[in-house]
Amino acid sequence: MRILIVEDDEVLANGLSVGLRLSGFTADRVATLADARAALETSDFEGMVLDIMLPDGLGLDLLGELRARGSALPVLLLTARDQVRDRVRGLDAGADDYLGKPFDLDELAARLRAMLRRGEGRASGALRWNGLEIDPATHTGSRNGAALRFSRHEFAILHALMEHPGRVLSRAALEERLYGWQEEVESNTVEVHVHKLRAKLGRGFVETVRGLGYRVAAEGS
């Protein structure tokens, strides 16, 4: 799950980025509204952590712009201004959730998972397909009563494919789920992790669609 962090405090932004990666997210960060607008135009994100007070304006302005053009990008507001009127203003502006500083990283990760789950119209955090159940909170799964564990990259690919069963995701789209801007993309990394997933789940669980990418096999396959 790729998240954009918009936060001008470098220490906090670094801590957020590292903490969210440990929780299984791919996190990119910017420090200004201008950079956030550029990032949103050039990259696909599944959610955004947005500070209200930024050097070149209010995060609420960016939030208003997104909602005005019909964007449903899940947004969690992060700010030291934790009074009721500020929470109400942010939520009325279109925020999906609100967390005041200081905060716990585990709580932030849990709120992001819940926010993204609501955006996908799911009541449960678990994803289920073809007898496999995976838990985004723990990066674990189970199939036919057998417990399964996955690496961060294995889980990111599996989660992306199971979010929309039947949809073909290209290698480039999967790489975007695996790597942030500052991370070097390893050669053949998608192929390597798909191979590892097939070793754990069976060769037919993830299908290769020649020339297009990958998808999970149809139910019952």
C-alpha atoms as a PDB file:
ATOM      1  CA  MET A   1       0.000   0.000   0.000  1.00  0.00           C
ATOM      2  CA  ARG A   2       1.655   3.184  -1.179  1.00  0.00           C
ATOM      3  CA  ILE A   3       1.225   6.243   1.043  1.00  0.00           C
ATOM      4  CA  LEU A   4       2.225   9.884   0.497  1.00  0.00           C
ATOM      5  CA  ILE A   5       3.403  11.664   3.661  1.00  0.00           C
ATOM      6  CA  VAL A   6       3.113  15.466   3.552  1.00  0.00           C
ATOM      7  CA  GLU A   7       5.028  16.701   6.602  1.00  0.00           C
ATOM      8  CA  ASP A   8       7.639  19.487   6.891  1.00  0.00           C
ATOM      9  CA  ASP A   9       9.233  18.308  10.157  1.00  0.00           C
ATOM     10  CA  GLU A  10      12.128  16.235   8.776  1.00  0.00           C
ATOM     11  CA  VAL A  11      12.662  14.157  11.906  1.00  0.00           C
ATOM     12  CA  LEU A  12       8.975  13.317  12.178  1.00  0.00           C
ATOM     13  CA  ALA A  13       8.672  12.649   8.441  1.00  0.00           C
ATOM     14  CA  ASN A  14      11.652  10.280   8.532  1.00  0.00           C
ATOM     15  CA  GLY A  15      10.200   8.469  11.529  1.00  0.00           C
ATOM     16  CA  LEU A  16       6.835   8.162   9.802  1.00  0.00           C
ATOM     17  CA  SER A  17       8.425   6.832   6.641  1.00  0.00           C
ATOM     18  CA  VAL A  18      10.492   4.212   8.452  1.00  0.00           C
ATOM     19  CA  GLY A  19       7.665   3.222  10.781  1.00  0.00           C
ATOM     20  CA  LEU A  20       5.120   2.795   8.014  1.00  0.00           C
ATOM     21  CA  ARG A  21       7.544   0.711   5.980  1.00  0.00           C
ATOM     22  CA  LEU A  22       7.994  -1.576   8.969  1.00  0.00           C
ATOM     23  CA  SER A  23       4.198  -1.909   9.013  1.00  0.00           C
ATOM     24  CA  GLY A  24       4.180  -2.957   5.380  1.00  0.00           C
ATOM     25  CA  PHE A  25       3.459   0.329   3.635  1.00  0.00           C
ATOM     26  CA  THR A  26       5.517   1.899   0.872  1.00  0.00           C
ATOM     27  CA  ALA A  27       5.925   5.505   2.003  1.00  0.00           C
ATOM     28  CA  ASP A  28       7.079   8.570   0.067  1.00  0.00           C
ATOM     29  CA  ARG A  29       7.388  11.944   1.732  1.00  0.00           C
ATOM     30  CA  VAL A  30       7.332  15.605   0.739  1.00  0.00           C
ATOM     31  CA  ALA A  31       7.529  18.771   2.831  1.00  0.00           C
ATOM     32  CA  THR A  32       5.396  21.310   0.962  1.00  0.00           C
ATOM     33  CA  LEU A  33       2.020  21.649  -0.721  1.00  0.00           C
ATOM     34  CA  ALA A  34       3.746  22.349  -4.048  1.00  0.00           C
ATOM     35  CA  ASP A  35       5.701  19.100  -3.877  1.00  0.00           C
ATOM     36  CA  ALA A  36       2.600  17.211  -2.771  1.00  0.00           C
ATOM     37  CA  ARG A  37       0.659  18.471  -5.793  1.00  0.00           C
ATOM     38  CA  ALA A  38       3.496  17.411  -8.099  1.00  0.00           C
ATOM     39  CA  ALA A  39       3.706  13.980  -6.440  1.00  0.00           C
ATOM     40  CA  LEU A  40      -0.026  13.385  -6.806  1.00  0.00           C
ATOM     41  CA  GLU A  41       0.138  14.279 -10.483  1.00  0.00           C
ATOM     42  CA  THR A  42       3.002  11.949 -11.294  1.00  0.00           C
ATOM     43  CA  SER A  43       2.505   8.936  -8.989  1.00  0.00           C
ATOM     44  CA  ASP A  44      -0.362   6.750  -7.813  1.00  0.00           C
ATOM     45  CA  PHE A  45      -0.991   6.575  -4.085  1.00  0.00           C
ATOM     46  CA  GLU A  46      -3.565   4.640  -2.107  1.00  0.00           C
ATOM     47  CA  GLY A  47      -3.657   7.102   0.763  1.00  0.00           C
ATOM     48  CA  MET A  48      -2.117  10.274   2.183  1.00  0.00           C
ATOM     49  CA  VAL A  49      -0.982  11.416   5.629  1.00  0.00           C
ATOM     50  CA  LEU A  50      -1.361  15.202   5.529  1.00  0.00           C
ATOM     51  CA  ASP A  51      -0.105  17.771   8.031  1.00  0.00           C
ATOM     52  CA  ILE A  52      -2.312  20.854   8.340  1.00  0.00           C
ATOM     53  CA  MET A  53       0.384  23.483   8.949  1.00  0.00           C
ATOM     54  CA  LEU A  54       2.896  23.511   6.069  1.00  0.00           C
ATOM     55  CA  PRO A  55       5.480  26.115   4.948  1.00  0.00           C
ATOM     56  CA  ASP A  56       3.510  27.197   1.872  1.00  0.00           C
ATOM     57  CA  GLY A  57      -0.029  26.994   3.214  1.00  0.00           C
ATOM     58  CA  LEU A  58      -2.623  24.778   4.851  1.00  0.00           C
ATOM     59  CA  GLY A  59      -3.013  21.090   4.164  1.00  0.00           C
ATOM     60  CA  LEU A  60      -6.746  21.733   4.214  1.00  0.00           C
ATOM     61  CA  ASP A  61      -6.329  23.718   0.993  1.00  0.00           C
ATOM     62  CA  LEU A  62      -4.861  20.682  -0.763  1.00  0.00           C
ATOM     63  CA  LEU A  63      -7.589  18.493   0.701  1.00  0.00           C
ATOM     64  CA  GLY A  64     -10.221  20.900  -0.622  1.00  0.00           C
ATOM     65  CA  GLU A  65      -8.654  20.832  -4.087  1.00  0.00           C
ATOM     66  CA  LEU A  66      -8.713  17.032  -4.164  1.00  0.00           C
ATOM     67  CA  ARG A  67     -12.342  16.801  -3.117  1.00  0.00           C
ATOM     68  CA  ALA A  68     -13.388  19.594  -5.489  1.00  0.00           C
ATOM     69  CA  ARG A  69     -12.133  17.614  -8.464  1.00  0.00           C
ATOM     70  CA  GLY A  70     -13.782  14.432  -7.266  1.00  0.00           C
ATOM     71  CA  SER A  71     -10.757  12.619  -5.860  1.00  0.00           C
ATOM     72  CA  ALA A  72     -11.668   9.983  -3.270  1.00  0.00           C
ATOM     73  CA  LEU A  73      -8.044   9.482  -2.167  1.00  0.00           C
ATOM     74  CA  PRO A  74      -8.179   8.485   1.528  1.00  0.00           C
ATOM     75  CA  VAL A  75      -6.617  11.249   3.642  1.00  0.00           C
ATOM     76  CA  LEU A  76      -5.588  11.170   7.289  1.00  0.00           C
ATOM     77  CA  LEU A  77      -4.910  14.597   8.800  1.00  0.00           C
ATOM     78  CA  LEU A  78      -1.944  14.776  11.146  1.00  0.00           C
ATOM     79  CA  THR A  79      -1.477  17.897  13.233  1.00  0.00           C
ATOM     80  CA  ALA A  80      -0.639  19.332  16.617  1.00  0.00           C
ATOM     81  CA  ARG A  81      -3.860  21.324  16.476  1.00  0.00           C
ATOM     82  CA  ASP A  82      -6.036  18.770  18.199  1.00  0.00           C
ATOM     83  CA  GLN A  83      -8.927  20.883  19.405  1.00  0.00           C
ATOM     84  CA  VAL A  84     -12.468  19.870  18.567  1.00  0.00           C
ATOM     85  CA  ARG A  85     -13.040  22.759  16.145  1.00  0.00           C
ATOM     86  CA  ASP A  86      -9.935  21.781  14.171  1.00  0.00           C
ATOM     87  CA  ARG A  87     -11.049  18.153  13.964  1.00  0.00           C
ATOM     88  CA  VAL A  88     -14.508  19.197  12.828  1.00  0.00           C
ATOM     89  CA  ARG A  89     -13.113  21.552  10.204  1.00  0.00           C
ATOM     90  CA  GLY A  90     -10.800  18.877   8.818  1.00  0.00           C
ATOM     91  CA  LEU A  91     -13.449  16.187   8.677  1.00  0.00           C
ATOM     92  CA  ASP A  92     -15.966  18.547   7.086  1.00  0.00           C
ATOM     93  CA  ALA A  93     -13.339  19.430   4.470  1.00  0.00           C
ATOM     94  CA  GLY A  94     -13.263  15.797   3.382  1.00  0.00           C
ATOM     95  CA  ALA A  95     -10.678  14.085   5.581  1.00  0.00           C
ATOM     96  CA  ASP A  96     -11.265  10.396   6.270  1.00  0.00           C
ATOM     97  CA  ASP A  97      -9.586  10.395   9.670  1.00  0.00           C
ATOM     98  CA  TYR A  98      -7.717  12.666  12.051  1.00  0.00           C
ATOM     99  CA  LEU A  99      -4.816  12.039  14.434  1.00  0.00           C
ATOM    100  CA  GLY A 100      -3.251  14.592  16.735  1.00  0.00           C
ATOM    101  CA  LYS A 101       0.429  14.832  17.636  1.00  0.00           C
ATOM    102  CA  PRO A 102       1.992  13.171  19.523  1.00  0.00           C
ATOM    103  CA  PHE A 103       0.781   9.810  18.288  1.00  0.00           C
ATOM    104  CA  ASP A 104       1.646   6.131  18.345  1.00  0.00           C
ATOM    105  CA  LEU A 105       2.958   4.669  15.076  1.00  0.00           C
ATOM    106  CA  ASP A 106       1.041   1.428  15.567  1.00  0.00           C
ATOM    107  CA  GLU A 107      -2.179   3.406  15.947  1.00  0.00           C
ATOM    108  CA  LEU A 108      -1.390   5.430  12.837  1.00  0.00           C
ATOM    109  CA  ALA A 109      -0.773   2.248  10.818  1.00  0.00           C
ATOM    110  CA  ALA A 110      -4.011   0.720  12.122  1.00  0.00           C
ATOM    111  CA  ARG A 111      -5.965   3.858  11.235  1.00  0.00           C
ATOM    112  CA  LEU A 112      -4.494   3.827   7.733  1.00  0.00           C
ATOM    113  CA  ARG A 113      -5.453   0.183   7.247  1.00  0.00           C
ATOM    114  CA  ALA A 114      -8.996   0.918   8.445  1.00  0.00           C
ATOM    115  CA  MET A 115      -9.223   3.997   6.234  1.00  0.00           C
ATOM    116  CA  LEU A 116      -8.083   2.112   3.151  1.00  0.00           C
ATOM    117  CA  ARG A 117     -10.392  -0.771   3.978  1.00  0.00           C
ATOM    118  CA  ARG A 118     -13.386   1.570   4.126  1.00  0.00           C
ATOM    119  CA  GLY A 119     -12.326   3.103   0.826  1.00  0.00           C
ATOM    120  CA  GLU A 120     -12.446  -0.348  -0.740  1.00  0.00           C
ATOM    121  CA  GLY A 121     -15.871  -1.024   0.763  1.00  0.00           C
ATOM    122  CA  ARG A 122     -14.662  -3.882   2.982  1.00  0.00           C
ATOM    123  CA  ALA A 123     -15.904  -4.448   6.527  1.00  0.00           C
ATOM    124  CA  SER A 124     -13.135  -6.876   7.457  1.00  0.00           C
ATOM    125  CA  GLY A 125      -9.416  -6.269   7.407  1.00  0.00           C
ATOM    126  CA  ALA A 126      -8.721  -9.727   5.997  1.00  0.00           C
ATOM    127  CA  LEU A 127      -8.699 -10.452   2.263  1.00  0.00           C
ATOM    128  CA  ARG A 128      -9.962 -13.840   1.069  1.00  0.00           C
ATOM    129  CA  TRP A 129      -9.608 -15.545  -2.294  1.00  0.00           C
ATOM    130  CA  ASN A 130      -9.485 -19.145  -3.476  1.00  0.00           C
ATOM    131  CA  GLY A 131      -9.202 -20.531   0.045  1.00  0.00           C
ATOM    132  CA  LEU A 132      -6.441 -18.098   1.060  1.00  0.00           C
ATOM    133  CA  GLU A 133      -6.954 -15.519   3.798  1.00  0.00           C
ATOM    134  CA  ILE A 134      -4.363 -12.800   4.408  1.00  0.00           C
ATOM    135  CA  ASP A 135      -4.099 -10.249   7.218  1.00  0.00           C
ATOM    136  CA  PRO A 136      -2.575  -6.856   6.287  1.00  0.00           C
ATOM    137  CA  ALA A 137      -1.873  -6.101   9.952  1.00  0.00           C
ATOM    138  CA  THR A 138       0.462  -9.069  10.446  1.00  0.00           C
ATOM    139  CA  HIS A 139       1.561  -9.990   6.889  1.00  0.00           C
ATOM    140  CA  THR A 140       0.423 -13.530   7.558  1.00  0.00           C
ATOM    141  CA  GLY A 141      -2.085 -15.814   5.929  1.00  0.00           C
ATOM    142  CA  SER A 142      -3.672 -19.205   6.110  1.00  0.00           C
ATOM    143  CA  ARG A 143      -4.875 -21.711   3.540  1.00  0.00           C
ATOM    144  CA  ASN A 144      -6.582 -25.026   4.205  1.00  0.00           C
ATOM    145  CA  GLY A 145      -5.716 -24.690   7.875  1.00  0.00           C
ATOM    146  CA  ALA A 146      -2.006 -24.123   7.241  1.00  0.00           C
ATOM    147  CA  ALA A 147      -0.404 -20.902   8.499  1.00  0.00           C
ATOM    148  CA  LEU A 148       1.661 -18.907   6.013  1.00  0.00           C
ATOM    149  CA  ARG A 149       4.158 -16.082   6.423  1.00  0.00           C
ATOM    150  CA  PHE A 150       5.314 -13.690   3.737  1.00  0.00           C
ATOM    151  CA  SER A 151       8.153 -11.229   3.278  1.00  0.00           C
ATOM    152  CA  ARG A 152       7.240  -7.542   2.966  1.00  0.00           C
ATOM    153  CA  HIS A 153       7.559  -7.609  -0.821  1.00  0.00           C
ATOM    154  CA  GLU A 154       5.790 -10.941  -1.222  1.00  0.00           C
ATOM    155  CA  PHE A 155       2.882  -9.650   0.819  1.00  0.00           C
ATOM    156  CA  ALA A 156       2.734  -6.336  -1.067  1.00  0.00           C
ATOM    157  CA  ILE A 157       2.386  -8.162  -4.397  1.00  0.00           C
ATOM    158  CA  LEU A 158      -0.152 -10.639  -3.032  1.00  0.00           C
ATOM    159  CA  HIS A 159      -2.190  -7.873  -1.392  1.00  0.00           C
ATOM    160  CA  ALA A 160      -2.255  -5.851  -4.611  1.00  0.00           C
ATOM    161  CA  LEU A 161      -3.452  -8.825  -6.646  1.00  0.00           C
ATOM    162  CA  MET A 162      -6.096  -9.876  -4.108  1.00  0.00           C
ATOM    163  CA  GLU A 163      -7.543  -6.391  -3.743  1.00  0.00           C
ATOM    164  CA  HIS A 164      -9.127  -6.696  -7.187  1.00  0.00           C
ATOM    165  CA  PRO A 165      -9.256 -10.360  -8.232  1.00  0.00           C
ATOM    166  CA  GLY A 166      -9.307 -10.756 -11.987  1.00  0.00           C
ATOM    167  CA  ARG A 167      -7.596  -7.443 -12.659  1.00  0.00           C
ATOM    168  CA  VAL A 168      -4.233  -7.746 -14.409  1.00  0.00           C
ATOM    169  CA  LEU A 169      -1.463  -5.688 -12.824  1.00  0.00           C
ATOM    170  CA  SER A 170       1.624  -4.868 -14.864  1.00  0.00           C
ATOM    171  CA  ARG A 171       5.156  -5.337 -13.606  1.00  0.00           C
ATOM    172  CA  ALA A 172       5.531  -1.528 -13.410  1.00  0.00           C
ATOM    173  CA  ALA A 173       2.349  -1.214 -11.329  1.00  0.00           C
ATOM    174  CA  LEU A 174       3.584  -3.844  -8.895  1.00  0.00           C
ATOM    175  CA  GLU A 175       7.007  -2.193  -8.661  1.00  0.00           C
ATOM    176  CA  GLU A 176       5.257   1.027  -7.624  1.00  0.00           C
ATOM    177  CA  ARG A 177       3.702  -0.890  -4.744  1.00  0.00           C
ATOM    178  CA  LEU A 178       7.106  -2.202  -3.679  1.00  0.00           C
ATOM    179  CA  TYR A 179       9.421   0.785  -3.923  1.00  0.00           C
ATOM    180  CA  GLY A 180       9.417   4.412  -2.846  1.00  0.00           C
ATOM    181  CA  TRP A 181      11.235   7.183  -4.695  1.00  0.00           C
ATOM    182  CA  GLN A 182      14.464   6.759  -2.746  1.00  0.00           C
ATOM    183  CA  GLU A 183      14.637   2.987  -3.138  1.00  0.00           C
ATOM    184  CA  GLU A 184      16.496   1.324  -5.964  1.00  0.00           C
ATOM    185  CA  VAL A 185      14.341  -1.048  -7.997  1.00  0.00           C
ATOM    186  CA  GLU A 186      16.032  -4.427  -8.108  1.00  0.00           C
ATOM    187  CA  SER A 187      16.161  -6.238 -11.430  1.00  0.00           C
ATOM    188  CA  ASN A 188      13.501  -8.939 -11.885  1.00  0.00           C
ATOM    189  CA  THR A 189      12.259  -8.379  -8.334  1.00  0.00           C
ATOM    190  CA  VAL A 190       8.597  -8.886  -9.264  1.00  0.00           C
ATOM    191  CA  GLU A 191       9.346 -12.141 -11.051  1.00  0.00           C
ATOM    192  CA  VAL A 192      11.417 -13.391  -8.102  1.00  0.00           C
ATOM    193  CA  HIS A 193       8.692 -12.663  -5.551  1.00  0.00           C
ATOM    194  CA  VAL A 194       5.950 -14.122  -7.759  1.00  0.00           C
ATOM    195  CA  HIS A 195       8.045 -17.290  -7.981  1.00  0.00           C
ATOM    196  CA  LYS A 196       8.283 -17.400  -4.173  1.00  0.00           C
ATOM    197  CA  LEU A 197       4.537 -16.870  -3.832  1.00  0.00           C
ATOM    198  CA  ARG A 198       3.857 -19.751  -6.203  1.00  0.00           C
ATOM    199  CA  ALA A 199       6.141 -21.973  -4.138  1.00  0.00           C
ATOM    200  CA  LYS A 200       4.016 -21.203  -1.064  1.00  0.00           C
ATOM    201  CA  LEU A 201       0.559 -21.104  -2.653  1.00  0.00           C
ATOM    202  CA  GLY A 202       0.797 -23.408  -5.628  1.00  0.00           C
ATOM    203  CA  ARG A 203       1.910 -22.601  -9.127  1.00  0.00           C
ATOM    204  CA  GLY A 204      -1.593 -21.831 -10.362  1.00  0.00           C
ATOM    205  CA  PHE A 205      -2.532 -19.267  -7.695  1.00  0.00           C
ATOM    206  CA  VAL A 206      -0.843 -16.360  -9.501  1.00  0.00           C
ATOM    207  CA  GLU A 207      -1.250 -16.345 -13.275  1.00  0.00           C
ATOM    208  CA  THR A 208       1.012 -14.669 -15.796  1.00  0.00           C
ATOM    209  CA  VAL A 209      -0.878 -12.869 -18.548  1.00  0.00           C
ATOM    210  CA  ARG A 210       1.664 -12.746 -21.335  1.00  0.00           C
ATOM    211  CA  GLY A 211       2.673  -9.241 -22.298  1.00  0.00           C
ATOM    212  CA  LEU A 212       0.443  -7.639 -19.647  1.00  0.00           C
ATOM    213  CA  GLY A 213       1.317  -8.755 -16.140  1.00  0.00           C
ATOM    214  CA  TYR A 214      -0.117 -10.867 -13.334  1.00  0.00           C
ATOM    215  CA  ARG A 215      -3.452 -11.722 -11.705  1.00  0.00           C
ATOM    216  CA  VAL A 216      -4.780 -14.206  -9.191  1.00  0.00           C
ATOM    217  CA  ALA A 217      -6.484 -17.214 -10.741  1.00  0.00           C
ATOM    218  CA  ALA A 218     -10.264 -17.396 -10.900  1.00  0.00           C
ATOM    219  CA  GLU A 219     -12.123 -18.843  -7.931  1.00  0.00           C
ATOM    220  CA  GLY A 220     -11.982 -22.638  -7.939  1.00  0.00           C
ATOM    221  CA  SER A 221      -8.867 -22.779 -10.113  1.00  0.00           C
END
